[in-house]
Amino acid sequence: MRNRLCSICWLVTVAALAGGCDSESKELAKAMAGGDPDRGQAAISSYGCASCHTIPGIRGANALVGPPLTQMGGRMYIAGVLQNTPSNMIRWLKDPPAVDSKTAMPNLHITESDARDIATYLYTLQ
């Protein structure tokens, strides 16, 4: 029963994010993922995510190798294999091939802290 309630709470939180304005989305994303969206935006640039993904708010991030990361905060799944939760997002960012051996996304050796910040930024995208 507890897992079901947690899933319901998560869906309510995602729905709230989808309806919020930019500053509200940032604050809710911070509370959810525990990172800093501004540091996450910088980390996305430094790890070269723009070379494969289209990512709103990231200069030059209009690549089509990987899926666009638009509206990540409102999606139900990460990479089609994980429920979209902060812990799963961080897990995926840190080592995608460990989650799905068939993914084309490489292990970029993203640190825990950077993964948390990147996840927080991605949750602001509605």
N, C-alpha and C. Protein backbone atom coordinates (compact mmCIF):
# COMPACT_ATOMS: atom_id res chain seq x y z
N MET A 1 0.82 -1.19 0.00
CA MET A 1 0.00 0.00 0.00
C MET A 1 0.87 1.26 0.00
N ARG A 2 1.98 1.23 0.75
CA ARG A 2 2.85 2.39 0.84
C ARG A 2 3.43 2.74 -0.52
N ASN A 3 3.89 1.74 -1.29
CA ASN A 3 4.44 2.00 -2.62
C ASN A 3 3.40 2.63 -3.53
N ARG A 4 2.17 2.16 -3.42
CA ARG A 4 1.09 2.72 -4.23
C ARG A 4 0.86 4.17 -3.88
N LEU A 5 0.86 4.50 -2.59
CA LEU A 5 0.70 5.88 -2.16
C LEU A 5 1.86 6.74 -2.62
N CYS A 6 3.08 6.21 -2.55
CA CYS A 6 4.24 6.97 -3.01
C CYS A 6 4.12 7.26 -4.50
N SER A 7 3.64 6.29 -5.28
CA SER A 7 3.45 6.50 -6.71
C SER A 7 2.40 7.58 -6.97
N ILE A 8 1.33 7.56 -6.20
CA ILE A 8 0.29 8.57 -6.35
C ILE A 8 0.84 9.95 -6.00
N CYS A 9 1.59 10.03 -4.90
CA CYS A 9 2.20 11.31 -4.51
C CYS A 9 3.13 11.81 -5.60
N TRP A 10 3.90 10.90 -6.19
CA TRP A 10 4.81 11.28 -7.25
C TRP A 10 4.05 11.85 -8.45
N LEU A 11 2.95 11.21 -8.84
CA LEU A 11 2.17 11.69 -9.97
C LEU A 11 1.57 13.06 -9.69
N VAL A 12 1.14 13.30 -8.46
CA VAL A 12 0.61 14.61 -8.08
C VAL A 12 1.71 15.66 -8.18
N THR A 13 2.92 15.31 -7.74
CA THR A 13 4.05 16.24 -7.81
C THR A 13 4.40 16.56 -9.25
N VAL A 14 4.45 15.55 -10.11
CA VAL A 14 4.75 15.77 -11.52
C VAL A 14 3.67 16.66 -12.15
N ALA A 15 2.42 16.42 -11.80
CA ALA A 15 1.33 17.23 -12.33
C ALA A 15 1.46 18.68 -11.86
N ALA A 16 1.86 18.88 -10.62
CA ALA A 16 2.05 20.23 -10.10
C ALA A 16 3.18 20.92 -10.84
N LEU A 17 4.25 20.19 -11.11
CA LEU A 17 5.37 20.77 -11.87
C LEU A 17 4.90 21.22 -13.25
N ALA A 18 4.10 20.42 -13.88
CA ALA A 18 3.66 20.72 -15.24
C ALA A 18 2.85 22.00 -15.29
N GLY A 19 2.17 22.34 -14.20
CA GLY A 19 1.33 23.52 -14.20
C GLY A 19 1.99 24.75 -13.63
N GLY A 20 3.18 24.63 -13.09
CA GLY A 20 3.81 25.75 -12.41
C GLY A 20 4.53 26.70 -13.35
N CYS A 21 4.79 27.92 -12.84
CA CYS A 21 5.60 28.85 -13.60
C CYS A 21 7.07 28.52 -13.40
N ASP A 22 7.95 29.23 -14.07
CA ASP A 22 9.37 28.90 -14.04
C ASP A 22 9.94 28.88 -12.62
N SER A 23 9.72 29.92 -11.83
CA SER A 23 10.30 29.94 -10.48
C SER A 23 9.67 28.88 -9.59
N GLU A 24 8.39 28.64 -9.75
CA GLU A 24 7.73 27.58 -8.98
C GLU A 24 8.27 26.22 -9.39
N SER A 25 8.48 26.02 -10.69
CA SER A 25 9.03 24.76 -11.18
C SER A 25 10.43 24.53 -10.63
N LYS A 26 11.24 25.59 -10.58
CA LYS A 26 12.59 25.45 -10.03
C LYS A 26 12.55 25.05 -8.56
N GLU A 27 11.70 25.70 -7.80
CA GLU A 27 11.62 25.40 -6.36
C GLU A 27 11.12 23.98 -6.13
N LEU A 28 10.10 23.56 -6.88
CA LEU A 28 9.57 22.21 -6.73
C LEU A 28 10.61 21.18 -7.18
N ALA A 29 11.33 21.47 -8.27
CA ALA A 29 12.37 20.56 -8.75
C ALA A 29 13.48 20.43 -7.70
N LYS A 30 13.85 21.55 -7.07
CA LYS A 30 14.87 21.51 -6.00
C LYS A 30 14.41 20.61 -4.86
N ALA A 31 13.15 20.77 -4.47
CA ALA A 31 12.62 19.97 -3.37
C ALA A 31 12.56 18.49 -3.73
N MET A 32 12.25 18.18 -4.98
CA MET A 32 12.12 16.79 -5.42
C MET A 32 13.47 16.10 -5.54
N ALA A 33 14.40 16.73 -6.26
CA ALA A 33 15.65 16.05 -6.61
C ALA A 33 16.82 16.47 -5.71
N GLY A 34 16.67 17.56 -4.98
CA GLY A 34 17.69 17.95 -4.02
C GLY A 34 18.92 18.60 -4.59
N GLY A 35 18.84 19.05 -5.85
CA GLY A 35 19.99 19.68 -6.47
C GLY A 35 19.73 21.14 -6.78
N ASP A 36 20.60 21.70 -7.58
CA ASP A 36 20.49 23.09 -7.99
C ASP A 36 20.34 23.13 -9.50
N PRO A 37 19.20 23.63 -10.01
CA PRO A 37 18.99 23.62 -11.45
C PRO A 37 19.99 24.48 -12.23
N ASP A 38 20.48 25.55 -11.62
CA ASP A 38 21.46 26.38 -12.32
C ASP A 38 22.79 25.65 -12.47
N ARG A 39 23.21 24.96 -11.42
CA ARG A 39 24.42 24.13 -11.53
C ARG A 39 24.19 22.99 -12.51
N GLY A 40 22.96 22.45 -12.52
CA GLY A 40 22.62 21.38 -13.46
C GLY A 40 22.72 21.83 -14.89
N GLN A 41 22.26 23.04 -15.16
CA GLN A 41 22.35 23.60 -16.51
C GLN A 41 23.82 23.71 -16.93
N ALA A 42 24.67 24.16 -16.03
CA ALA A 42 26.10 24.27 -16.33
C ALA A 42 26.72 22.88 -16.52
N ALA A 43 26.33 21.92 -15.70
CA ALA A 43 26.87 20.56 -15.80
C ALA A 43 26.47 19.91 -17.12
N ILE A 44 25.26 20.16 -17.56
CA ILE A 44 24.80 19.62 -18.85
C ILE A 44 25.73 20.10 -19.96
N SER A 45 26.09 21.36 -19.89
CA SER A 45 27.01 21.91 -20.90
C SER A 45 28.40 21.28 -20.78
N SER A 46 28.89 21.14 -19.56
CA SER A 46 30.25 20.64 -19.38
C SER A 46 30.40 19.16 -19.72
N TYR A 47 29.34 18.37 -19.56
CA TYR A 47 29.41 16.95 -19.90
C TYR A 47 29.15 16.69 -21.39
N GLY A 48 28.80 17.73 -22.12
CA GLY A 48 28.61 17.58 -23.56
C GLY A 48 27.29 16.96 -23.96
N CYS A 49 26.30 17.06 -23.12
CA CYS A 49 24.99 16.46 -23.41
C CYS A 49 24.37 17.03 -24.70
N ALA A 50 24.73 18.28 -25.02
CA ALA A 50 24.19 18.93 -26.21
C ALA A 50 24.67 18.29 -27.50
N SER A 51 25.71 17.49 -27.44
CA SER A 51 26.19 16.85 -28.66
C SER A 51 25.26 15.73 -29.12
N CYS A 52 24.37 15.27 -28.24
CA CYS A 52 23.44 14.20 -28.61
C CYS A 52 21.97 14.57 -28.44
N HIS A 53 21.67 15.51 -27.56
CA HIS A 53 20.27 15.81 -27.21
C HIS A 53 19.86 17.23 -27.54
N THR A 54 18.58 17.41 -27.79
CA THR A 54 17.96 18.73 -27.82
C THR A 54 17.49 18.98 -26.39
N ILE A 55 17.97 20.10 -25.82
CA ILE A 55 17.66 20.40 -24.42
C ILE A 55 17.31 21.88 -24.31
N PRO A 56 16.06 22.20 -23.98
CA PRO A 56 15.69 23.61 -23.82
C PRO A 56 16.56 24.30 -22.78
N GLY A 57 16.96 25.53 -23.10
CA GLY A 57 17.74 26.33 -22.18
C GLY A 57 19.24 26.09 -22.23
N ILE A 58 19.67 25.16 -23.08
CA ILE A 58 21.10 24.86 -23.20
C ILE A 58 21.54 25.33 -24.59
N ARG A 59 22.49 26.24 -24.62
CA ARG A 59 22.97 26.79 -25.88
C ARG A 59 23.54 25.69 -26.78
N GLY A 60 23.07 25.67 -28.02
CA GLY A 60 23.56 24.72 -29.01
C GLY A 60 23.04 23.30 -28.84
N ALA A 61 22.12 23.09 -27.91
CA ALA A 61 21.60 21.73 -27.67
C ALA A 61 20.41 21.46 -28.58
N ASN A 62 20.74 21.14 -29.83
CA ASN A 62 19.68 20.83 -30.80
C ASN A 62 20.02 19.58 -31.61
N ALA A 63 20.78 18.69 -31.01
CA ALA A 63 21.20 17.46 -31.68
C ALA A 63 20.07 16.43 -31.67
N LEU A 64 20.18 15.49 -32.60
CA LEU A 64 19.14 14.47 -32.75
C LEU A 64 19.68 13.05 -32.62
N VAL A 65 20.83 12.88 -32.01
CA VAL A 65 21.39 11.54 -31.82
C VAL A 65 20.56 10.79 -30.78
N GLY A 66 20.35 11.42 -29.64
CA GLY A 66 19.51 10.86 -28.59
C GLY A 66 18.17 11.56 -28.60
N PRO A 67 17.25 11.12 -27.77
CA PRO A 67 15.93 11.74 -27.74
C PRO A 67 16.00 13.17 -27.20
N PRO A 68 15.07 14.02 -27.65
CA PRO A 68 15.01 15.37 -27.08
C PRO A 68 14.61 15.27 -25.60
N LEU A 69 15.16 16.14 -24.80
CA LEU A 69 14.86 16.11 -23.36
C LEU A 69 13.82 17.16 -22.98
N THR A 70 13.09 17.63 -23.97
CA THR A 70 12.01 18.57 -23.72
C THR A 70 10.96 17.91 -22.83
N GLN A 71 10.41 18.65 -21.94
CA GLN A 71 9.33 18.20 -21.05
C GLN A 71 9.70 16.98 -20.21
N MET A 72 10.96 16.84 -19.84
CA MET A 72 11.36 15.69 -19.00
C MET A 72 10.64 15.68 -17.67
N GLY A 73 10.34 16.85 -17.14
CA GLY A 73 9.66 16.91 -15.85
C GLY A 73 8.27 16.31 -15.85
N GLY A 74 7.65 16.22 -17.01
CA GLY A 74 6.30 15.69 -17.09
C GLY A 74 6.20 14.29 -17.67
N ARG A 75 7.32 13.69 -17.99
CA ARG A 75 7.28 12.35 -18.60
C ARG A 75 7.11 11.26 -17.53
N MET A 76 6.54 10.16 -17.95
CA MET A 76 6.31 9.05 -17.02
C MET A 76 7.52 8.12 -16.93
N TYR A 77 8.32 8.06 -18.00
CA TYR A 77 9.45 7.13 -18.02
C TYR A 77 10.73 7.82 -18.44
N ILE A 78 11.83 7.27 -17.98
CA ILE A 78 13.17 7.68 -18.38
C ILE A 78 13.70 6.60 -19.31
N ALA A 79 14.07 7.01 -20.52
CA ALA A 79 14.63 6.09 -21.52
C ALA A 79 13.73 4.89 -21.80
N GLY A 80 12.46 5.03 -21.50
CA GLY A 80 11.51 3.95 -21.76
C GLY A 80 11.64 2.75 -20.85
N VAL A 81 12.51 2.83 -19.84
CA VAL A 81 12.74 1.66 -18.99
C VAL A 81 12.58 1.90 -17.49
N LEU A 82 12.59 3.15 -17.06
CA LEU A 82 12.50 3.45 -15.63
C LEU A 82 11.37 4.42 -15.36
N GLN A 83 10.65 4.22 -14.27
CA GLN A 83 9.67 5.21 -13.85
C GLN A 83 10.41 6.51 -13.58
N ASN A 84 9.83 7.62 -14.00
CA ASN A 84 10.48 8.92 -13.86
C ASN A 84 10.38 9.41 -12.42
N THR A 85 11.38 9.05 -11.62
CA THR A 85 11.51 9.53 -10.25
C THR A 85 12.90 10.12 -10.10
N PRO A 86 13.11 11.00 -9.12
CA PRO A 86 14.44 11.57 -8.93
C PRO A 86 15.53 10.51 -8.73
N SER A 87 15.28 9.51 -7.92
CA SER A 87 16.33 8.50 -7.69
C SER A 87 16.63 7.73 -8.97
N ASN A 88 15.62 7.42 -9.77
CA ASN A 88 15.86 6.73 -11.04
C ASN A 88 16.58 7.63 -12.04
N MET A 89 16.23 8.91 -12.06
CA MET A 89 16.89 9.84 -12.97
C MET A 89 18.38 9.93 -12.63
N ILE A 90 18.69 10.06 -11.36
CA ILE A 90 20.09 10.13 -10.92
C ILE A 90 20.81 8.84 -11.26
N ARG A 91 20.17 7.71 -10.99
CA ARG A 91 20.75 6.41 -11.33
C ARG A 91 21.07 6.32 -12.82
N TRP A 92 20.13 6.72 -13.67
CA TRP A 92 20.31 6.69 -15.11
C TRP A 92 21.46 7.59 -15.54
N LEU A 93 21.48 8.81 -15.03
CA LEU A 93 22.53 9.77 -15.41
C LEU A 93 23.92 9.28 -15.03
N LYS A 94 24.03 8.63 -13.89
CA LYS A 94 25.34 8.18 -13.42
C LYS A 94 25.91 7.03 -14.26
N ASP A 95 25.05 6.13 -14.74
CA ASP A 95 25.56 4.98 -15.49
C ASP A 95 24.44 4.34 -16.32
N PRO A 96 24.09 4.94 -17.46
CA PRO A 96 23.00 4.40 -18.28
C PRO A 96 23.18 2.94 -18.69
N PRO A 97 24.38 2.50 -19.12
CA PRO A 97 24.51 1.10 -19.53
C PRO A 97 24.29 0.10 -18.39
N ALA A 98 24.46 0.51 -17.15
CA ALA A 98 24.18 -0.37 -16.02
C ALA A 98 22.68 -0.60 -15.87
N VAL A 99 21.89 0.36 -16.34
CA VAL A 99 20.42 0.25 -16.27
C VAL A 99 19.89 -0.51 -17.48
N ASP A 100 20.43 -0.18 -18.66
CA ASP A 100 19.98 -0.81 -19.90
C ASP A 100 21.21 -1.04 -20.78
N SER A 101 21.63 -2.27 -20.86
CA SER A 101 22.86 -2.60 -21.59
C SER A 101 22.76 -2.30 -23.09
N LYS A 102 21.56 -2.11 -23.61
CA LYS A 102 21.38 -1.84 -25.03
C LYS A 102 21.29 -0.35 -25.36
N THR A 103 21.42 0.50 -24.36
CA THR A 103 21.34 1.92 -24.62
C THR A 103 22.55 2.42 -25.40
N ALA A 104 22.33 3.43 -26.21
CA ALA A 104 23.43 4.07 -26.92
C ALA A 104 24.08 5.15 -26.06
N MET A 105 23.44 5.50 -24.96
CA MET A 105 23.99 6.55 -24.10
C MET A 105 25.17 5.99 -23.31
N PRO A 106 26.32 6.64 -23.44
CA PRO A 106 27.51 6.14 -22.74
C PRO A 106 27.52 6.51 -21.26
N ASN A 107 28.35 5.83 -20.51
CA ASN A 107 28.62 6.21 -19.13
C ASN A 107 29.59 7.38 -19.18
N LEU A 108 29.12 8.55 -18.82
CA LEU A 108 29.95 9.75 -18.84
C LEU A 108 30.63 9.98 -17.50
N HIS A 109 30.46 9.05 -16.58
CA HIS A 109 31.07 9.13 -15.25
C HIS A 109 30.64 10.42 -14.54
N ILE A 110 29.36 10.69 -14.63
CA ILE A 110 28.79 11.86 -13.97
C ILE A 110 28.79 11.60 -12.46
N THR A 111 29.25 12.56 -11.72
CA THR A 111 29.31 12.42 -10.26
C THR A 111 27.90 12.44 -9.68
N GLU A 112 27.76 11.93 -8.48
CA GLU A 112 26.47 11.94 -7.77
C GLU A 112 25.92 13.36 -7.68
N SER A 113 26.77 14.28 -7.27
CA SER A 113 26.36 15.68 -7.12
C SER A 113 25.91 16.29 -8.44
N ASP A 114 26.69 16.08 -9.49
CA ASP A 114 26.32 16.61 -10.80
C ASP A 114 25.05 15.94 -11.32
N ALA A 115 24.90 14.65 -11.11
CA ALA A 115 23.69 13.94 -11.54
C ALA A 115 22.46 14.51 -10.83
N ARG A 116 22.59 14.81 -9.57
CA ARG A 116 21.47 15.40 -8.80
C ARG A 116 21.13 16.79 -9.36
N ASP A 117 22.15 17.59 -9.66
CA ASP A 117 21.90 18.92 -10.22
C ASP A 117 21.30 18.83 -11.62
N ILE A 118 21.81 17.93 -12.45
CA ILE A 118 21.27 17.75 -13.80
C ILE A 118 19.81 17.28 -13.72
N ALA A 119 19.54 16.32 -12.86
CA ALA A 119 18.16 15.85 -12.70
C ALA A 119 17.25 17.00 -12.27
N THR A 120 17.72 17.81 -11.35
CA THR A 120 16.92 18.96 -10.90
C THR A 120 16.62 19.88 -12.06
N TYR A 121 17.62 20.18 -12.89
CA TYR A 121 17.38 21.01 -14.07
C TYR A 121 16.35 20.36 -15.00
N LEU A 122 16.53 19.07 -15.27
CA LEU A 122 15.62 18.39 -16.18
C LEU A 122 14.18 18.40 -15.67
N TYR A 123 14.00 18.38 -14.35
CA TYR A 123 12.64 18.43 -13.80
C TYR A 123 12.00 19.80 -13.92
N THR A 124 12.78 20.83 -14.28
CA THR A 124 12.18 22.14 -14.53
C THR A 124 11.61 22.23 -15.93
N LEU A 125 11.96 21.28 -16.79
CA LEU A 125 11.53 21.33 -18.18
C LEU A 125 10.12 20.77 -18.32
N GLN A 126 9.23 21.64 -18.69
CA GLN A 126 7.82 21.27 -18.81
C GLN A 126 7.36 21.42 -20.20
